[in-house]
Amino acid sequence: MIEIALPVTIALVSLALILNMYRLIIGPDAPDRILALDTLYINALALIVLLGISVASRLYLEAALLIAVMGFVGTVALAKYLKRGSVIE
């Protein structure tokens, strides 16, 4: 069962990545682009975890944790910049 579900899930997450890239490029304003970037890193995180499951390696899970932390910090910094005009007070 996992042999069928894993490739299908990887394909669907890859499609979500492509659609998020489209929203990031075409997005009507800056908050929509920040949301697209946030969703993009979450989908990249899911794809890395799925690839880690498919090759049975823990290294991918460690990379996913690093991407999660960097993505969160990046999203907070961009939102703060949009709200106040500067990141550091």
C-alpha atoms as a PDB file:
ATOM      1  CA  MET A   1       0.000   0.000   0.000  1.00  0.00           C
ATOM      2  CA  ILE A   2       2.780   2.444   0.864  1.00  0.00           C
ATOM      3  CA  GLU A   3       4.413   1.669  -2.503  1.00  0.00           C
ATOM      4  CA  ILE A   4       1.392   3.210  -4.205  1.00  0.00           C
ATOM      5  CA  ALA A   5       0.591   6.001  -1.761  1.00  0.00           C
ATOM      6  CA  LEU A   6       4.119   7.441  -1.543  1.00  0.00           C
ATOM      7  CA  PRO A   7       4.626   8.275  -5.251  1.00  0.00           C
ATOM      8  CA  VAL A   8       1.098   9.675  -5.500  1.00  0.00           C
ATOM      9  CA  THR A   9       1.675  11.875  -2.463  1.00  0.00           C
ATOM     10  CA  ILE A  10       5.039  13.069  -3.796  1.00  0.00           C
ATOM     11  CA  ALA A  11       3.382  13.982  -7.109  1.00  0.00           C
ATOM     12  CA  LEU A  12       0.576  15.900  -5.388  1.00  0.00           C
ATOM     13  CA  VAL A  13       2.951  17.805  -3.115  1.00  0.00           C
ATOM     14  CA  SER A  14       5.077  18.648  -6.159  1.00  0.00           C
ATOM     15  CA  LEU A  15       1.975  19.995  -7.875  1.00  0.00           C
ATOM     16  CA  ALA A  16       1.251  22.099  -4.796  1.00  0.00           C
ATOM     17  CA  LEU A  17       4.815  23.451  -4.973  1.00  0.00           C
ATOM     18  CA  ILE A  18       4.304  24.490  -8.584  1.00  0.00           C
ATOM     19  CA  LEU A  19       1.006  26.194  -7.780  1.00  0.00           C
ATOM     20  CA  ASN A  20       2.619  28.030  -4.863  1.00  0.00           C
ATOM     21  CA  MET A  21       5.402  29.249  -7.120  1.00  0.00           C
ATOM     22  CA  TYR A  22       2.751  30.607  -9.458  1.00  0.00           C
ATOM     23  CA  ARG A  23       1.071  32.450  -6.561  1.00  0.00           C
ATOM     24  CA  LEU A  24       4.435  33.769  -5.403  1.00  0.00           C
ATOM     25  CA  ILE A  25       5.227  35.217  -8.818  1.00  0.00           C
ATOM     26  CA  ILE A  26       1.750  36.421  -9.841  1.00  0.00           C
ATOM     27  CA  GLY A  27       0.387  37.319  -6.370  1.00  0.00           C
ATOM     28  CA  PRO A  28      -1.563  40.580  -6.395  1.00  0.00           C
ATOM     29  CA  ASP A  29       0.102  42.158  -3.352  1.00  0.00           C
ATOM     30  CA  ALA A  30       2.872  41.619  -0.809  1.00  0.00           C
ATOM     31  CA  PRO A  31       0.866  39.827   1.931  1.00  0.00           C
ATOM     32  CA  ASP A  32      -0.333  37.252  -0.618  1.00  0.00           C
ATOM     33  CA  ARG A  33       3.246  36.685  -1.704  1.00  0.00           C
ATOM     34  CA  ILE A  34       4.402  36.225   1.889  1.00  0.00           C
ATOM     35  CA  LEU A  35       1.640  33.679   2.450  1.00  0.00           C
ATOM     36  CA  ALA A  36       2.651  31.891  -0.751  1.00  0.00           C
ATOM     37  CA  LEU A  37       6.255  31.806   0.453  1.00  0.00           C
ATOM     38  CA  ASP A  38       5.147  30.415   3.816  1.00  0.00           C
ATOM     39  CA  THR A  39       3.090  27.703   2.134  1.00  0.00           C
ATOM     40  CA  LEU A  40       5.958  27.027  -0.261  1.00  0.00           C
ATOM     41  CA  TYR A  41       8.379  26.203   2.513  1.00  0.00           C
ATOM     42  CA  ILE A  42       5.783  24.024   4.239  1.00  0.00           C
ATOM     43  CA  ASN A  43       5.261  22.067   1.014  1.00  0.00           C
ATOM     44  CA  ALA A  44       9.023  21.783   0.540  1.00  0.00           C
ATOM     45  CA  LEU A  45       9.214  20.480   4.079  1.00  0.00           C
ATOM     46  CA  ALA A  46       6.565  17.855   3.328  1.00  0.00           C
ATOM     47  CA  LEU A  47       8.365  16.840   0.133  1.00  0.00           C
ATOM     48  CA  ILE A  48      11.666  16.406   1.960  1.00  0.00           C
ATOM     49  CA  VAL A  49       9.999  14.287   4.644  1.00  0.00           C
ATOM     50  CA  LEU A  50       8.340  12.139   1.978  1.00  0.00           C
ATOM     51  CA  LEU A  51      11.651  11.665   0.195  1.00  0.00           C
ATOM     52  CA  GLY A  52      13.235  10.736   3.518  1.00  0.00           C
ATOM     53  CA  ILE A  53      10.550   8.109   4.039  1.00  0.00           C
ATOM     54  CA  SER A  54      11.036   6.728   0.537  1.00  0.00           C
ATOM     55  CA  VAL A  55      14.807   6.280   0.921  1.00  0.00           C
ATOM     56  CA  ALA A  56      14.615   5.411   4.644  1.00  0.00           C
ATOM     57  CA  SER A  57      17.126   8.031   5.756  1.00  0.00           C
ATOM     58  CA  ARG A  58      17.075  10.194   8.882  1.00  0.00           C
ATOM     59  CA  LEU A  59      19.231  12.842   7.222  1.00  0.00           C
ATOM     60  CA  TYR A  60      16.214  14.166   5.348  1.00  0.00           C
ATOM     61  CA  LEU A  61      14.296  14.619   8.581  1.00  0.00           C
ATOM     62  CA  GLU A  62      17.119  16.718  10.033  1.00  0.00           C
ATOM     63  CA  ALA A  63      17.130  18.846   6.894  1.00  0.00           C
ATOM     64  CA  ALA A  64      13.363  19.257   7.225  1.00  0.00           C
ATOM     65  CA  LEU A  65      13.781  20.553  10.776  1.00  0.00           C
ATOM     66  CA  LEU A  66      16.323  23.120   9.620  1.00  0.00           C
ATOM     67  CA  ILE A  67      14.044  24.273   6.810  1.00  0.00           C
ATOM     68  CA  ALA A  68      11.132  24.558   9.257  1.00  0.00           C
ATOM     69  CA  VAL A  69      13.095  26.816  11.606  1.00  0.00           C
ATOM     70  CA  MET A  70      14.484  28.990   8.800  1.00  0.00           C
ATOM     71  CA  GLY A  71      11.093  29.252   7.133  1.00  0.00           C
ATOM     72  CA  PHE A  72       9.413  30.359  10.348  1.00  0.00           C
ATOM     73  CA  VAL A  73      12.046  32.993  11.051  1.00  0.00           C
ATOM     74  CA  GLY A  74      11.875  34.220   7.456  1.00  0.00           C
ATOM     75  CA  THR A  75       8.090  34.509   7.520  1.00  0.00           C
ATOM     76  CA  VAL A  76       8.125  36.422  10.803  1.00  0.00           C
ATOM     77  CA  ALA A  77      10.832  38.768   9.517  1.00  0.00           C
ATOM     78  CA  LEU A  78       8.975  39.478   6.278  1.00  0.00           C
ATOM     79  CA  ALA A  79       5.696  40.091   8.095  1.00  0.00           C
ATOM     80  CA  LYS A  80       7.403  42.430  10.542  1.00  0.00           C
ATOM     81  CA  TYR A  81       9.056  44.286   7.679  1.00  0.00           C
ATOM     82  CA  LEU A  82       5.711  44.701   5.932  1.00  0.00           C
ATOM     83  CA  LYS A  83       4.024  45.961   9.076  1.00  0.00           C
ATOM     84  CA  ARG A  84       6.692  48.357  10.391  1.00  0.00           C
ATOM     85  CA  GLY A  85       9.098  48.970   7.528  1.00  0.00           C
ATOM     86  CA  SER A  86      12.070  47.522   9.396  1.00  0.00           C
ATOM     87  CA  VAL A  87      12.963  44.176  10.889  1.00  0.00           C
ATOM     88  CA  ILE A  88      15.210  45.302  13.726  1.00  0.00           C
ATOM     89  CA  GLU A  89      13.882  47.958  16.065  1.00  0.00           C
END
